[in-house]
Protein backbone atom coordinates (compact mmCIF):
# COMPACT_ATOMS: atom_id res chain seq x y z
CA MET A 1 -38.21 28.89 5.44
CA LYS A 2 -35.97 29.07 2.25
CA THR A 3 -32.65 27.16 2.55
CA LEU A 4 -29.34 28.17 1.07
CA LYS A 5 -30.04 26.49 -2.38
CA ASN A 6 -33.09 28.89 -2.75
CA PHE A 7 -30.74 31.88 -1.99
CA GLN A 8 -28.16 31.16 -4.68
CA LYS A 9 -30.06 33.51 -7.23
CA TYR A 10 -29.91 36.34 -4.75
CA ARG A 11 -26.12 36.09 -3.84
CA ARG A 12 -24.09 38.76 -5.37
CA PHE A 13 -20.35 38.30 -5.64
CA SER A 14 -18.12 40.93 -6.85
CA SER A 15 -14.37 39.98 -7.47
CA SER A 16 -12.88 36.66 -6.21
CA SER A 17 -10.86 38.60 -3.55
CA SER A 18 -13.87 40.46 -2.16
CA SER A 19 -16.52 39.53 0.31
CA PRO A 20 -20.00 38.22 -0.91
CA SER A 21 -22.78 40.64 -0.14
CA PHE A 22 -26.49 39.98 0.22
CA THR A 23 -29.34 42.32 -0.64
CA GLU A 24 -31.40 43.66 2.21
CA ASN A 25 -34.43 41.60 1.11
CA VAL A 26 -32.41 38.44 1.33
CA LEU A 27 -31.06 39.12 4.84
CA GLU A 28 -34.64 40.02 5.93
CA THR A 29 -35.94 36.59 4.94
CA VAL A 30 -32.88 34.61 6.46
CA LYS A 31 -32.97 33.49 10.08
CA SER A 32 -30.65 35.15 12.52
CA PHE A 33 -27.53 33.56 13.98
CA LYS A 34 -29.15 33.80 17.33
CA GLU A 35 -31.95 31.40 16.15
CA ILE A 36 -29.35 28.43 15.51
CA PRO A 37 -29.86 25.79 18.06
CA GLY A 38 -27.13 25.53 20.73
CA PRO A 39 -26.22 25.60 24.46
CA LYS A 40 -27.60 28.77 26.05
CA PRO A 41 -24.83 31.19 27.12
CA LEU A 42 -24.94 32.96 30.48
CA PRO A 43 -24.29 36.60 30.94
CA ILE A 44 -20.67 37.56 31.00
CA ILE A 45 -19.26 34.18 31.25
CA GLY A 46 -21.05 32.73 28.14
CA ASN A 47 -20.59 29.02 27.84
CA LEU A 48 -17.23 28.78 29.39
CA TRP A 49 -18.62 27.18 32.54
CA ARG A 50 -19.70 24.17 30.47
CA TYR A 51 -16.01 23.11 30.24
CA LEU A 52 -15.43 23.10 33.95
CA PRO A 53 -14.99 19.81 35.69
CA ILE A 54 -17.96 18.26 37.60
CA ILE A 55 -20.51 20.88 36.57
CA GLY A 56 -19.88 21.12 32.78
CA GLU A 57 -20.79 18.74 30.13
CA TYR A 58 -17.83 19.46 27.93
CA SER A 59 -14.18 18.74 28.13
CA LEU A 60 -11.35 20.50 26.48
CA GLU A 61 -9.64 16.93 26.02
CA ARG A 62 -12.61 15.25 24.65
CA MET A 63 -13.67 17.25 21.45
CA TYR A 64 -15.13 14.34 19.69
CA GLU A 65 -17.39 13.47 22.65
CA ASN A 66 -18.38 17.32 22.73
CA GLY A 67 -19.34 17.06 19.08
CA CYS A 68 -21.47 13.95 19.69
CA TYR A 69 -23.35 15.58 22.52
CA ASN A 70 -24.03 18.75 20.36
CA LEU A 71 -25.32 16.67 17.61
CA LYS A 72 -27.54 14.69 19.85
CA HIS A 73 -28.97 17.71 21.72
CA TYR A 74 -29.12 20.44 19.01
CA GLY A 75 -28.90 18.97 15.60
CA HIS A 76 -26.77 19.27 12.53
CA ILE A 77 -25.86 22.93 12.89
CA VAL A 78 -25.10 24.24 16.28
CA ARG A 79 -24.19 27.66 17.67
CA GLU A 80 -21.94 27.81 20.67
CA GLU A 81 -21.15 31.22 22.18
CA ILE A 82 -17.96 30.90 24.29
CA SER A 83 -18.08 34.63 25.00
CA GLU A 84 -19.58 37.78 23.52
CA LYS A 85 -16.60 38.05 21.06
CA HIS A 86 -15.83 34.25 20.50
CA LYS A 87 -18.69 32.59 18.65
CA ILE A 88 -18.46 29.11 17.06
CA LEU A 89 -20.69 27.38 14.47
CA HIS A 90 -20.38 23.54 14.38
CA LEU A 91 -21.42 21.86 11.08
CA PHE A 92 -22.20 18.03 10.99
CA ASP A 93 -23.90 17.84 7.53
CA PRO A 94 -21.62 17.58 4.57
CA ASP A 95 -23.81 19.72 2.48
CA HIS A 96 -23.46 22.56 5.06
CA MET A 97 -19.73 22.06 5.00
CA GLU A 98 -19.75 22.45 1.29
CA SER A 99 -21.79 25.51 1.51
CA MET A 100 -19.20 27.00 3.92
CA PHE A 101 -16.27 26.14 1.78
CA GLN A 102 -18.10 27.59 -1.34
CA GLN A 103 -18.68 30.99 0.37
CA GLN A 104 -15.32 31.53 1.91
CA GLN A 105 -12.95 34.04 0.47
CA GLN A 106 -9.99 33.28 -1.74
CA TYR A 107 -7.56 33.14 1.12
CA PRO A 108 -9.10 30.92 3.83
CA TYR A 109 -8.40 32.34 7.33
CA ARG A 110 -7.77 29.95 10.42
CA ARG A 111 -7.01 31.01 13.96
CA SER A 112 -4.34 28.70 15.36
CA HIS A 113 -0.70 28.77 16.55
CA ARG A 114 -0.96 32.42 17.51
CA ALA A 115 2.00 32.21 20.06
CA LEU A 116 4.23 30.65 17.35
CA ILE A 117 3.62 33.61 15.10
CA LYS A 118 4.60 36.10 17.95
CA TYR A 119 7.75 33.95 18.49
CA ARG A 120 8.66 34.28 14.80
CA HIS A 121 7.66 37.90 14.41
CA ASP A 122 9.98 38.70 17.50
CA ARG A 123 12.94 37.14 15.62
CA PRO A 124 13.22 38.95 12.14
CA ASP A 125 16.91 37.94 12.02
CA LYS A 126 15.73 34.17 11.50
CA TYR A 127 12.24 34.32 10.22
CA GLN A 128 10.74 36.22 7.21
CA SER A 129 7.17 35.63 8.69
CA GLY A 130 5.13 33.59 10.91
CA GLY A 131 5.21 30.65 8.62
CA ILE A 132 2.89 29.00 6.10
CA PHE A 133 0.92 27.02 8.69
CA PRO A 134 0.15 29.92 11.17
CA GLU A 135 -0.01 32.87 8.71
CA ASN A 136 -3.24 34.07 6.94
CA GLY A 137 -4.02 36.36 4.08
CA ASP A 138 -1.47 37.69 1.66
CA GLU A 139 1.56 36.51 3.46
CA TRP A 140 0.13 32.93 3.63
CA LYS A 141 -0.54 33.03 -0.13
CA ARG A 142 3.01 34.37 -0.86
CA LEU A 143 4.47 31.38 1.05
CA ARG A 144 2.07 28.73 -0.31
CA ASP A 145 2.84 29.99 -3.97
CA LEU A 146 6.55 29.71 -3.22
CA PHE A 147 6.49 26.20 -1.82
CA LYS A 148 3.46 24.23 -3.12
CA HIS A 149 5.33 23.30 -6.33
CA TYR A 150 7.75 21.30 -4.54
CA PHE A 151 5.63 19.36 -1.99
CA LEU A 152 2.57 18.37 -4.06
CA ARG A 153 4.36 16.53 -6.96
CA PRO A 154 4.73 12.71 -6.43
CA ASN A 155 7.97 12.73 -8.39
CA PHE A 156 9.69 15.13 -6.07
CA ILE A 157 8.64 12.84 -3.06
CA GLN A 158 9.50 9.35 -4.36
CA VAL A 159 13.26 10.03 -4.26
CA TYR A 160 13.04 9.46 -0.53
CA ASP A 161 11.77 5.83 -0.55
CA GLN A 162 15.19 4.22 0.15
CA GLN A 163 16.23 6.40 3.05
CA LEU A 164 12.81 6.01 4.59
CA ASN A 165 13.21 2.24 4.30
CA GLU A 166 16.56 2.62 5.95
CA ILE A 167 15.06 4.60 8.91
CA VAL A 168 12.23 2.04 9.33
CA ASN A 169 14.86 -0.77 9.42
CA ASP A 170 16.56 0.94 12.40
CA LEU A 171 13.18 1.13 14.18
CA ILE A 172 12.75 -2.45 13.59
CA LYS A 173 16.16 -3.18 15.21
CA MET A 174 14.82 -1.24 18.21
CA ILE A 175 11.64 -3.34 18.22
CA ARG A 176 13.65 -6.55 18.02
CA TYR A 177 16.04 -5.43 20.93
CA GLU A 178 13.17 -4.07 23.18
CA ARG A 179 10.82 -7.21 22.77
CA GLN A 180 13.42 -9.57 24.14
CA LYS A 181 12.72 -8.26 27.56
CA SER A 182 9.17 -9.60 27.75
CA ASN A 183 7.83 -12.21 25.42
CA ASN A 184 7.70 -10.18 22.24
CA TYR A 185 5.89 -7.35 24.04
CA LEU A 186 7.21 -3.94 24.25
CA ASN A 187 7.05 -2.66 27.80
CA ASP A 188 6.95 0.96 26.69
CA ASP A 189 4.16 2.80 24.76
CA PHE A 190 4.90 1.99 21.24
CA GLN A 191 3.85 5.62 20.39
CA GLN A 192 7.14 6.81 21.72
CA PHE A 193 8.98 4.64 19.36
CA LEU A 194 6.81 5.92 16.45
CA TYR A 195 7.48 9.58 17.62
CA ARG A 196 11.26 9.01 17.26
CA TRP A 197 10.70 7.29 13.81
CA SER A 198 8.55 10.08 12.46
CA LEU A 199 10.83 12.89 13.64
CA GLU A 200 13.91 11.15 12.12
CA SER A 201 11.96 10.59 8.93
CA ILE A 202 10.79 14.33 8.42
CA CYS A 203 14.17 15.55 9.53
CA SER A 204 15.88 13.36 6.94
CA ILE A 205 13.67 14.89 4.21
CA MET A 206 13.78 18.49 5.27
CA LEU A 207 17.42 18.52 6.22
CA ASP A 208 18.89 15.93 3.93
CA ALA A 209 20.54 14.30 6.92
CA ARG A 210 20.12 11.64 9.68
CA VAL A 211 19.67 13.61 12.85
CA GLY A 212 19.77 10.59 15.24
CA CYS A 213 16.40 10.55 16.81
CA LEU A 214 16.29 6.64 17.00
CA ASP A 215 19.57 6.76 18.99
CA ARG A 216 18.85 7.42 22.60
CA ASN A 217 22.40 8.72 23.16
CA ASN A 218 22.44 11.09 20.20
CA ILE A 219 22.51 14.83 21.52
CA ASP A 220 20.88 16.42 18.39
CA GLY A 221 18.06 13.79 18.43
CA ALA A 222 17.37 14.49 22.10
CA LYS A 223 17.21 18.08 21.47
CA MET A 224 14.67 17.67 18.64
CA ILE A 225 12.50 15.33 20.76
CA GLU A 226 12.45 17.59 23.73
CA GLY A 227 11.90 20.75 21.61
CA GLY A 228 9.07 19.09 19.70
CA HIS A 229 7.30 18.08 22.96
CA LYS A 230 7.63 21.37 24.55
CA THR A 231 6.39 23.25 21.38
CA LEU A 232 3.31 21.16 21.03
CA TYR A 233 2.45 21.55 24.77
CA ALA A 234 2.97 25.22 24.68
CA VAL A 235 1.04 25.84 21.47
CA MET A 236 -1.82 23.91 22.98
CA ARG A 237 -1.81 25.91 26.22
CA THR A 238 -1.40 29.42 24.66
CA GLU A 239 -4.38 28.76 22.40
CA LEU A 240 -6.70 28.81 25.48
CA TYR A 241 -5.97 32.43 26.64
CA ASP A 242 -4.38 35.68 25.45
CA GLY A 243 -2.40 36.80 28.51
CA TRP A 244 0.94 35.80 26.90
CA GLU A 245 0.53 38.49 24.12
CA ARG A 246 1.12 41.12 26.81
CA LYS A 247 3.63 39.52 29.01
CA PRO A 248 5.44 36.23 28.59
CA THR A 249 3.95 33.45 30.72
CA LYS A 250 5.19 30.10 31.70
CA ASP A 251 3.43 28.51 28.76
CA TYR A 252 4.99 31.02 26.18
CA GLU A 253 8.48 30.48 27.85
CA CYS A 254 7.90 26.91 27.24
CA LEU A 255 7.33 27.54 23.58
CA VAL A 256 10.41 29.64 23.38
CA GLU A 257 12.62 26.89 24.98
CA GLY A 258 11.03 24.23 22.70
CA GLN A 259 11.49 26.32 19.43
CA ASP A 260 15.03 27.42 20.47
CA LEU A 261 16.06 23.76 20.93
CA MET A 262 14.63 22.74 17.47
CA ALA A 263 16.14 25.73 15.83
CA SER A 264 19.58 25.14 17.14
CA VAL A 265 19.55 21.65 15.45
CA VAL A 266 17.93 22.81 12.27
CA GLU A 267 20.40 25.71 11.82
CA LYS A 268 23.31 23.31 12.11
CA TYR A 269 22.18 20.77 9.51
CA LEU A 270 20.59 23.67 7.29
CA ASN A 271 23.91 25.57 7.27
CA GLN A 272 25.81 22.33 6.30
CA ARG A 273 23.51 21.73 3.41
CA PHE A 274 23.71 25.30 2.12
CA ASN A 275 27.38 24.92 2.03
CA ASP A 276 27.23 21.72 0.20
CA VAL A 277 24.82 23.01 -2.42
CA GLU A 278 26.56 26.36 -3.06
CA SER A 279 29.81 24.65 -3.52
CA SER A 280 28.55 22.25 -5.96
CA SER A 281 27.74 22.82 -9.81
CA SER A 282 24.16 23.87 -10.59
CA PHE A 283 22.02 21.84 -12.75
CA ASN A 284 20.32 22.97 -15.88
CA ASP A 285 18.33 20.05 -17.17
CA GLU A 286 14.62 20.16 -16.13
CA ASN A 287 14.62 16.50 -15.77
CA ASP A 288 17.55 16.47 -13.32
CA LYS A 289 15.08 18.15 -10.80
CA TYR A 290 13.57 14.73 -10.11
CA GLU A 291 16.98 13.44 -9.03
CA GLN A 292 17.43 16.39 -6.54
CA THR A 293 16.17 16.50 -3.10
CA ILE A 294 13.56 18.89 -2.25
CA LEU A 295 15.91 20.79 0.12
CA GLU A 296 18.54 21.26 -2.60
CA GLN A 297 15.83 22.57 -5.04
CA LEU A 298 14.64 24.99 -2.40
CA ILE A 299 18.25 26.30 -1.91
CA ARG A 300 18.71 26.77 -5.47
CA ASP A 301 15.51 28.63 -6.11
CA PRO A 302 16.33 32.33 -6.28
CA LYS A 303 12.84 33.36 -5.23
CA ILE A 304 13.14 31.71 -1.84
CA THR A 305 15.05 33.65 0.82
CA ARG A 306 17.06 31.81 3.43
CA LYS A 307 14.58 33.16 6.10
CA ASP A 308 11.65 31.73 4.17
CA LEU A 309 13.36 28.44 3.87
CA PHE A 310 14.29 28.18 7.46
CA GLY A 311 10.63 28.82 8.34
CA ILE A 312 9.32 26.18 6.08
CA VAL A 313 11.83 23.57 7.37
CA MET A 314 10.80 24.33 10.92
CA ASP A 315 7.08 24.18 10.00
CA PHE A 316 7.34 20.84 8.30
CA ILE A 317 9.31 19.31 10.95
CA PHE A 318 6.97 20.40 13.74
CA ALA A 319 3.84 19.68 11.87
CA GLY A 320 5.12 16.29 10.66
CA ILE A 321 6.14 14.63 13.99
CA ASP A 322 2.88 13.87 15.96
CA THR A 323 0.52 13.65 13.04
CA THR A 324 2.29 10.96 11.18
CA SER A 325 3.34 9.04 14.24
CA ILE A 326 -0.26 9.11 15.62
CA THR A 327 -1.83 7.85 12.46
CA ALA A 328 0.79 4.97 12.23
CA GLY A 329 0.13 3.97 15.86
CA PHE A 330 -3.66 3.82 15.41
CA THR A 331 -3.43 1.85 12.16
CA LEU A 332 -1.12 -0.73 13.82
CA TYR A 333 -3.64 -0.83 16.79
CA PHE A 334 -6.59 -1.39 14.43
CA LEU A 335 -4.60 -4.19 12.47
CA ALA A 336 -3.84 -5.87 15.77
CA LYS A 337 -7.50 -5.85 16.69
CA ASN A 338 -8.41 -7.20 13.24
CA PRO A 339 -6.08 -10.31 12.40
CA ASN A 340 -7.96 -11.19 9.41
CA ILE A 341 -7.42 -7.76 7.78
CA GLN A 342 -3.86 -7.87 8.85
CA GLN A 343 -3.25 -11.25 7.31
CA ARG A 344 -4.77 -10.05 3.90
CA LEU A 345 -2.38 -7.13 4.02
CA ALA A 346 0.62 -9.21 4.70
CA GLU A 347 -0.47 -11.38 1.62
CA GLU A 348 -0.74 -8.21 -0.58
CA LEU A 349 2.63 -6.95 0.55
CA LYS A 350 4.39 -10.28 -0.32
CA GLN A 351 3.19 -9.90 -3.98
CA VAL A 352 5.08 -6.51 -4.45
CA VAL A 353 8.24 -6.81 -2.38
CA GLY A 354 11.41 -6.81 -4.40
CA ASP A 355 14.45 -9.15 -4.09
CA ASP A 356 16.14 -6.37 -2.16
CA GLY A 357 13.33 -6.49 0.47
CA LEU A 358 12.63 -2.71 0.08
CA PHE A 359 9.30 -1.17 -0.50
CA ARG A 360 9.63 1.29 -3.36
CA ALA A 361 7.34 4.18 -3.94
CA GLU A 362 5.97 2.65 -7.18
CA HIS A 363 5.00 -0.55 -5.18
CA PHE A 364 2.22 1.25 -3.58
CA ASN A 365 0.27 1.56 -6.81
CA HIS A 366 -0.32 -2.21 -6.25
CA THR A 367 -1.30 -2.13 -2.56
CA PRO A 368 -4.92 -0.93 -2.43
CA LEU A 369 -5.57 -2.64 0.77
CA LEU A 370 -2.69 -0.89 2.50
CA LYS A 371 -3.90 2.54 1.43
CA ALA A 372 -7.52 1.61 2.40
CA CYS A 373 -6.26 0.69 6.00
CA VAL A 374 -4.77 4.19 6.38
CA LYS A 375 -7.93 5.86 5.00
CA GLU A 376 -10.14 3.87 7.52
CA THR A 377 -7.77 4.75 10.35
CA LEU A 378 -8.24 8.43 9.35
CA ARG A 379 -12.02 8.01 9.28
CA LEU A 380 -12.14 6.71 12.88
CA ARG A 381 -9.18 8.42 14.44
CA PRO A 382 -8.33 11.52 12.47
CA ILE A 383 -5.61 13.97 13.67
CA SER A 384 -8.21 16.71 14.23
CA ILE A 385 -12.02 16.77 14.69
CA GLY A 386 -12.46 18.60 11.44
CA VAL A 387 -11.50 21.82 9.62
CA GLY A 388 -11.57 25.32 11.32
CA ARG A 389 -12.19 28.50 9.45
CA LEU A 390 -12.73 32.10 10.69
CA ALA A 391 -15.46 33.56 8.45
CA THR A 392 -13.96 36.65 6.83
CA ASN A 393 -17.26 37.64 5.29
CA ASP A 394 -21.05 37.12 6.14
CA MET A 395 -22.40 33.82 4.94
CA ILE A 396 -25.80 32.03 4.66
CA ILE A 397 -25.74 28.35 5.71
CA ASP A 398 -28.89 26.34 5.95
CA GLY A 399 -30.99 29.38 5.81
CA TYR A 400 -29.10 31.14 8.67
CA HIS A 401 -27.09 34.28 8.58
CA ILE A 402 -23.60 33.61 9.73
CA PRO A 403 -21.88 36.85 10.62
CA LYS A 404 -18.29 37.81 9.86
CA ASN A 405 -15.72 36.65 12.39
CA THR A 406 -17.55 33.60 13.44
CA MET A 407 -15.36 30.49 13.94
CA ILE A 408 -16.71 27.69 11.81
CA ILE A 409 -15.72 24.01 12.64
CA THR A 410 -16.68 21.22 10.32
CA GLN A 411 -17.32 18.27 12.53
CA ASN A 412 -15.94 15.66 10.13
CA GLN A 413 -14.93 13.05 12.72
CA VAL A 414 -18.39 12.95 14.20
CA ALA A 415 -20.15 13.01 10.83
CA CYS A 416 -17.82 10.12 9.49
CA GLN A 417 -19.18 7.82 12.21
CA LEU A 418 -22.90 8.41 11.55
CA PRO A 419 -24.85 5.46 10.04
CA GLU A 420 -26.55 7.88 7.40
CA TYR A 421 -23.20 8.02 5.74
CA TYR A 422 -21.33 4.82 6.49
CA CYS A 423 -22.60 1.27 7.14
CA GLN A 424 -21.53 0.05 10.35
CA PRO A 425 -19.77 3.32 11.00
CA ASN A 426 -17.92 2.32 14.26
CA GLU A 427 -16.37 -0.84 12.76
CA TYR A 428 -12.86 -0.86 11.27
CA GLN A 429 -13.63 -1.91 7.65
CA PRO A 430 -11.03 -0.87 5.11
CA ASP A 431 -12.91 -2.63 2.28
CA ARG A 432 -15.28 0.32 2.42
CA TRP A 433 -12.65 2.18 0.42
CA LEU A 434 -12.07 -0.51 -2.24
CA GLY A 435 -13.71 -1.02 -5.64
CA SER A 436 -17.44 -0.01 -5.97
CA ASN A 437 -17.82 0.28 -2.12
CA ARG A 438 -15.69 3.60 -2.48
CA ASN A 439 -17.80 5.19 -5.02
CA ARG A 440 -21.03 4.12 -3.18
CA GLN A 441 -20.24 5.36 0.32
CA HIS A 442 -17.96 8.31 -0.10
CA ARG A 443 -19.53 11.82 0.19
CA ARG A 444 -17.68 14.98 -0.86
CA TYR A 445 -16.54 17.24 2.13
CA LEU A 446 -17.30 14.36 4.56
CA TYR A 447 -13.95 12.83 4.67
CA ILE A 448 -11.19 15.33 4.34
CA PRO A 449 -8.47 14.44 6.91
CA PHE A 450 -5.85 16.44 5.22
CA GLY A 451 -8.04 19.52 4.99
CA HIS A 452 -9.67 21.04 2.00
CA GLY A 453 -8.90 23.51 -0.88
CA THR A 454 -5.94 25.84 -0.81
CA ARG A 455 -5.24 25.24 2.78
CA MET A 456 -4.85 21.50 2.20
CA CYS A 457 -1.95 19.92 4.05
CA LEU A 458 1.15 20.68 1.89
CA GLY A 459 2.85 17.70 3.62
CA ARG A 460 0.35 15.02 2.58
CA ARG A 461 2.47 13.23 -0.05
CA ILE A 462 5.36 13.04 2.44
CA ALA A 463 3.16 11.64 5.23
CA GLU A 464 1.63 9.09 2.97
CA LEU A 465 5.00 7.80 1.69
CA GLU A 466 6.33 7.63 5.31
CA LEU A 467 3.18 5.72 6.52
CA ASN A 468 3.11 3.22 3.61
CA ILE A 469 6.76 2.44 4.08
CA LEU A 470 6.46 1.99 7.69
CA LEU A 471 3.31 -0.18 7.66
CA ALA A 472 4.54 -2.21 4.87
CA ASN A 473 7.73 -3.13 6.54
CA ILE A 474 6.33 -3.86 9.89
CA ILE A 475 3.38 -6.01 8.74
CA TYR A 476 5.67 -7.80 6.23
CA GLN A 477 8.06 -8.74 9.09
CA PHE A 478 5.69 -9.08 12.04
CA ARG A 479 2.37 -10.34 13.17
CA ILE A 480 0.93 -7.66 15.39
CA GLU A 481 -1.11 -8.53 18.41
CA CYS A 482 -2.49 -6.76 21.44
CA SER A 483 -4.68 -7.55 24.40
CA PRO A 484 -8.31 -8.25 23.55
CA LYS A 485 -9.17 -5.66 26.38
CA LEU A 486 -7.14 -2.92 24.76
CA ASN A 487 -9.54 -0.17 23.66
CA ILE A 488 -7.84 3.13 22.63
CA GLY A 489 -9.70 6.29 22.15
CA GLN A 490 -8.71 9.78 21.63
CA ARG A 491 -7.90 12.84 23.86
CA THR A 492 -7.37 16.28 22.41
CA LYS A 493 -4.21 18.19 23.01
CA LEU A 494 -4.37 20.67 20.14
CA ILE A 495 -4.50 17.47 17.91
CA ASN A 496 -6.08 14.13 18.63
CA LEU A 497 -3.76 11.79 20.63
CA PRO A 498 -4.30 8.16 21.95
CA ASP A 499 -5.90 8.24 25.34
CA ARG A 500 -3.83 5.42 26.57
CA PRO A 501 -0.50 3.63 25.87
CA ILE A 502 -0.32 1.57 22.62
CA LYS A 503 1.01 -1.84 23.86
CA LEU A 504 1.62 -4.22 21.05
CA GLN A 505 3.29 -7.58 20.60
CA PHE A 506 5.51 -8.18 17.66
CA ILE A 507 5.86 -11.83 16.49
CA ASP A 508 8.06 -12.70 13.59
CA ARG A 509 6.36 -14.01 10.58
CA LYS A 510 7.45 -17.47 9.44
């Protein structure tokens, strides 16, 4: 049977914005979607029963394990029919992933955060649209074109290094206070401390203000934390069913409560910043932009409406809380489990720290091991199992016909832990990302923790700067240890979360 490579000469693309079409002769020689291996659906209920406790082999909270099961039993391309209308294709081979990305339309479509779109569409007085993360099609393109210029340029992000250092120093003060209670250990899950740090960091960038998330008595900080937790829980729940579209359910009401809490704080600080910027003189020198915060530049941009700006601020704050804090938590966990790597990292950091004790953005050009540690964490414990795309056109992948409206999931987390792609794939080895090892082991489309193409995460540079400054400060000041018995995996709650508390010991470095 011919594979996709053999079909390239038969594919006929019209314009970049239209769907690829295939000649009847080609479709006659391609295998049907039904021929793709996968769990056999039952009449009416499809494969939903497989997610039920006791009788099912899948779990909604163990998506990585689900992927491993599918790969073992069905191979590198798997069909899963949840219902007659909801069909999923799982891809485990990076070549198949590449094929999918190359055949998708100009504006990639993903199906997520549907309740959040409804919430915003129901509030046209505050929001212009559903937002850059949930939206698709022309509206998504409009938003991305408006904002990508500001978030993807390193020079625009580096102005935040000093204030991010200050936030980490406040976190370290909390660590020193809390550890006094039990021999350098933190009794609480350290992930909760990181959640507060991450929320304070992204708010300081998107609102040009310290909200107070690291202060347990701060009302605004408490509202943002509660709102963030409620929103994440509600978005996760509402993705599982559609009833909330017709009549508000308890889950949808939870989302409304969470978003309203966050919006009340964001409006307060955003209005203050609008007043400050509008009352100040404008800048004309193009070079002055690098001295301005992103928020100030967005306020001054005549193409960006106040509603669009409010939406992008809410998007970045919500998207930036758990993702960054979870990656930070897993990186510290892996460093605690690998003291030799941690010691090498501490020595690397000593070579770049300035007299003021701050880690500047330019320092991280000289910390390859630090960046490799984060990459290795994202290989083993990524925020999501892979990239999801809803096919807006017919495709041919591995010789199979993939019909329009199929949900395609690239199983990057599973693939990144296969021996055919990485030596000792289950071991935490940051050195695989250094020097010649990086060129020898890396496969395109295999490792894409921030997504791919035009829908790549706009907050990537912000997240990397936050992570680098946090890890540099903590490892520079503390030796991190944990119980040898501590083994932290992941559970899926819309995103991948630690499946147990991260209990760490913080010992001052001499």
